[in-house]
Every structure is written in structure tokens, then in C-alpha cells.
């Protein structure tokens, strides 16, 4: 993979990340526990355009929310293995009370977690303000295998796609 680093946030960086994570239904949110361990758990990706902010809906009474309250530095990972796309976003979690934002993000699917609907007092909005991200993008599994095989035969470095770190 070709490694690049972009130190200045640009609208192109944000658009690229938005395009890569669009349509990924679930993300893995990693928090630091009270014991100092890293713990990842799946979160439903919201149907909003990535603009440097990530939003989730969680439960106030969960270990994850307690961990974010104590240690707001988090990581959010997205994967689309069928497309050869992987994205890792680091940022700071903020626990937010905002009725208008809840209305924007809410879908009836959340009733499975919050039986009282949007009025459930256990609902916690989680806002991740992204600091930076890294992504890996390849041409897909078959092309990667061909590039690896070519590299093994020729002794040349296999070009497997693009890898970039961006500051947000």
C-alpha cells in the first residue's frame, strides 16, 4: 500500500472519508475501561453525512457511556471487506442532551433498545469530534491477490492500494 500523510484538514479529506464510510451499517467504537483496557463494541452508524463529526445513540446506564464519561478519547472503526475499505477515526466523545439532534437521528429501530421511544430517559446522544483518521483502500480481494502473487514472483513491492492518514 502507498502510505501518505495529510497534516492539514481539507474538505477533500472529509469528503473522501465520508465516501468511504457511507453505507457501512455498523461501526466498532473503542473506549478505555476503568481498568485501562481497550474495549470495542458495535454501534449503529447514523444516516447522516460525515462532516468530521460522528453521532451515535447509546444508553446512559451502559459501561461504554460510563467509560466515555471518564476517558473521552475513543476510536471508531469502519470496515467494508467486500470493497477493500477500512477506516479508523480517532476523536473525543462528548455526551450530549439535544432534543433536536435526537429527532434528527432517531429511527423506530431504536425502540428495540429504548422501549419508551424517544422519551426514554436512558437515551444518551454520543458525539465524536474527530481528531484524525487513517484509511486503507484497495482494488478488492482478487486484485490484491494478483498483486501479492506478482510481487512474490518478481521480487518487487506489491502495490495493494492506498493508505492515508489525515488530520481533521
Protein backbone atom coordinates (compact mmCIF):
# COMPACT_ATOMS: atom_id res chain seq x y z
CA UNK A 1 0.00 0.00 0.00
CA UNK A 2 1.10 3.54 -0.68
CA UNK A 3 1.35 5.43 2.64
CA UNK A 4 0.63 9.15 2.64
CA UNK A 5 0.05 11.62 5.43
CA UNK A 6 -2.02 14.78 5.16
CA UNK A 7 -1.38 17.16 8.03
CA UNK A 8 -3.89 19.82 7.05
CA UNK A 9 -7.62 19.13 7.26
CA UNK A 10 -9.33 19.78 3.96
CA UNK A 11 -12.82 19.41 2.59
CA UNK A 12 -11.34 16.79 0.22
CA UNK A 13 -10.17 14.70 3.20
CA UNK A 14 -13.58 14.90 4.83
CA UNK A 15 -15.37 14.07 1.56
CA UNK A 16 -13.05 11.10 0.96
CA UNK A 17 -13.75 9.71 4.45
CA UNK A 18 -17.49 10.35 4.01
CA UNK A 19 -17.46 8.40 0.74
CA UNK A 20 -15.54 5.50 2.30
CA UNK A 21 -17.83 5.05 5.32
CA UNK A 22 -21.11 5.79 3.57
CA UNK A 23 -23.37 2.77 3.71
CA UNK A 24 -21.45 0.98 6.48
CA UNK A 25 -24.28 -0.12 8.78
CA UNK A 26 -22.21 -0.80 11.90
CA UNK A 27 -19.04 0.70 13.32
CA UNK A 28 -16.85 -0.53 16.16
CA UNK A 29 -16.50 2.07 18.93
CA UNK A 30 -13.45 1.52 21.16
CA UNK A 31 -13.35 3.03 24.65
CA UNK A 32 -10.97 2.78 27.59
CA UNK A 33 -12.44 0.96 30.59
CA UNK A 34 -11.97 1.95 34.24
CA UNK A 35 -9.24 -0.72 34.41
CA UNK A 36 -7.40 0.89 31.49
CA UNK A 37 -8.29 -1.84 28.99
CA UNK A 38 -9.49 -1.06 25.48
CA UNK A 39 -12.95 -2.41 24.72
CA UNK A 40 -14.70 -2.27 21.34
CA UNK A 41 -18.39 -2.74 20.74
CA UNK A 42 -20.65 -2.38 17.69
CA UNK A 43 -22.70 0.76 17.24
CA UNK A 44 -25.28 1.55 14.58
CA UNK A 45 -23.98 4.09 12.10
CA UNK A 46 -26.27 7.08 11.74
CA UNK A 47 -27.71 8.01 8.36
CA UNK A 48 -26.02 11.42 8.33
CA UNK A 49 -23.20 12.65 6.11
CA UNK A 50 -19.79 12.51 7.80
CA UNK A 51 -18.51 16.07 8.26
CA UNK A 52 -15.81 15.43 10.87
CA UNK A 53 -18.42 14.53 13.49
CA UNK A 54 -19.83 11.10 14.25
CA UNK A 55 -23.06 10.56 16.17
CA UNK A 56 -24.37 7.50 17.99
CA UNK A 57 -27.29 6.77 20.28
CA UNK A 58 -26.43 4.81 23.42
CA UNK A 59 -27.74 4.05 26.87
CA UNK A 60 -26.85 6.23 29.86
CA UNK A 61 -26.62 3.14 32.04
CA UNK A 62 -24.09 1.28 29.87
CA UNK A 63 -20.45 0.59 30.65
CA UNK A 64 -19.48 2.21 27.35
CA UNK A 65 -21.07 5.56 28.25
CA UNK A 66 -19.50 5.43 31.73
CA UNK A 67 -16.12 4.75 30.10
CA UNK A 68 -16.53 7.73 27.72
CA UNK A 69 -17.51 9.96 30.63
CA UNK A 70 -14.22 9.08 32.39
CA UNK A 71 -11.98 8.75 29.31
CA UNK A 72 -13.38 10.68 26.33
CA UNK A 73 -10.64 9.65 23.85
CA UNK A 74 -12.16 6.99 21.58
CA UNK A 75 -11.68 5.27 18.26
CA UNK A 76 -14.33 4.40 15.68
CA UNK A 77 -13.57 1.75 13.04
CA UNK A 78 -15.45 1.04 9.83
CA UNK A 79 -14.90 -1.93 7.51
CA UNK A 80 -16.16 -2.89 4.07
CA UNK A 81 -14.08 -6.00 3.36
CA UNK A 82 -16.02 -6.72 0.17
CA UNK A 83 -14.81 -3.36 -1.17
CA UNK A 84 -11.32 -3.47 0.37
CA UNK A 85 -12.06 -0.42 2.54
CA UNK A 86 -11.04 0.10 6.16
CA UNK A 87 -11.28 3.36 8.13
CA UNK A 88 -10.12 4.21 11.65
CA UNK A 89 -11.20 7.55 13.18
CA UNK A 90 -9.84 8.84 16.49
CA UNK A 91 -11.59 11.54 18.42
CA UNK A 92 -13.14 12.81 21.61
CA UNK A 93 -16.53 11.64 22.84
CA UNK A 94 -19.00 14.17 24.20
CA UNK A 95 -22.19 13.07 25.90
CA UNK A 96 -24.92 15.37 24.64
CA UNK A 97 -28.52 16.19 25.57
CA UNK A 98 -30.11 17.70 22.43
CA UNK A 99 -33.73 17.01 21.58
CA UNK A 100 -33.49 18.37 18.02
CA UNK A 101 -30.47 16.16 17.28
CA UNK A 102 -32.25 13.13 18.76
CA UNK A 103 -35.23 13.84 16.48
CA UNK A 104 -32.84 14.02 13.52
CA UNK A 105 -31.08 10.73 14.34
CA UNK A 106 -33.99 8.68 15.66
CA UNK A 107 -35.49 5.74 13.82
CA UNK A 108 -38.07 3.27 15.11
CA UNK A 109 -35.37 0.59 15.06
CA UNK A 110 -34.13 2.08 18.36
CA UNK A 111 -37.36 1.02 20.09
CA UNK A 112 -35.74 -2.41 20.44
CA UNK A 113 -33.24 -0.77 22.83
CA UNK A 114 -35.40 2.02 24.20
CA UNK A 115 -38.98 0.71 24.62
CA UNK A 116 -40.31 4.14 25.63
CA UNK A 117 -39.21 5.57 22.28
CA UNK A 118 -37.61 8.99 22.09
CA UNK A 119 -39.00 9.77 25.54
CA UNK A 120 -36.90 7.03 27.19
CA UNK A 121 -34.85 8.71 29.95
CA UNK A 122 -31.97 6.27 29.34
CA UNK A 123 -31.17 7.65 25.85
CA UNK A 124 -27.74 9.20 25.54
CA UNK A 125 -26.54 11.01 22.43
CA UNK A 126 -22.84 10.42 21.80
CA UNK A 127 -20.99 12.96 19.69
CA UNK A 128 -17.50 12.05 18.47
CA UNK A 129 -15.44 15.07 17.40
CA UNK A 130 -12.88 13.52 15.07
CA UNK A 131 -9.22 14.48 15.53
CA UNK A 132 -7.83 12.39 12.71
CA UNK A 133 -8.29 9.27 10.66
CA UNK A 134 -6.45 6.65 8.71
CA UNK A 135 -7.86 4.69 5.84
CA UNK A 136 -6.86 1.78 3.68
CA UNK A 137 -8.43 1.29 0.28
CA UNK A 138 -7.58 -1.45 -2.17
CA UNK A 139 -8.85 -2.61 -5.53
CA UNK A 140 -10.55 -5.62 -3.98
CA UNK A 141 -9.63 -9.11 -2.87
CA UNK A 142 -8.87 -10.67 -6.26
CA UNK A 143 -6.71 -7.77 -7.47
CA UNK A 144 -4.84 -7.78 -4.15
CA UNK A 145 -4.10 -11.49 -4.50
CA UNK A 146 -2.82 -10.90 -8.04
CA UNK A 147 -0.57 -8.07 -6.83
CA UNK A 148 0.79 -10.20 -3.99
CA UNK A 149 1.47 -13.12 -6.34
CA UNK A 150 3.14 -10.76 -8.83
CA UNK A 151 5.33 -9.36 -6.04
CA UNK A 152 6.33 -12.85 -4.92
CA UNK A 153 7.29 -13.87 -8.45
CA UNK A 154 9.10 -10.66 -9.47
CA UNK A 155 10.52 -9.71 -6.07
CA UNK A 156 9.02 -6.25 -6.46
CA UNK A 157 6.90 -4.46 -3.90
CA UNK A 158 3.23 -5.34 -4.40
CA UNK A 159 1.01 -2.28 -4.85
CA UNK A 160 -2.09 -3.17 -2.88
CA UNK A 161 -3.88 0.13 -2.78
CA UNK A 162 -3.90 3.39 -0.92
CA UNK A 163 -3.23 4.15 2.76
CA UNK A 164 -3.51 7.69 4.07
CA UNK A 165 -3.52 9.38 7.46
CA UNK A 166 -5.46 12.62 7.66
CA UNK A 167 -5.77 15.28 10.33
CA UNK A 168 -9.28 16.54 10.96
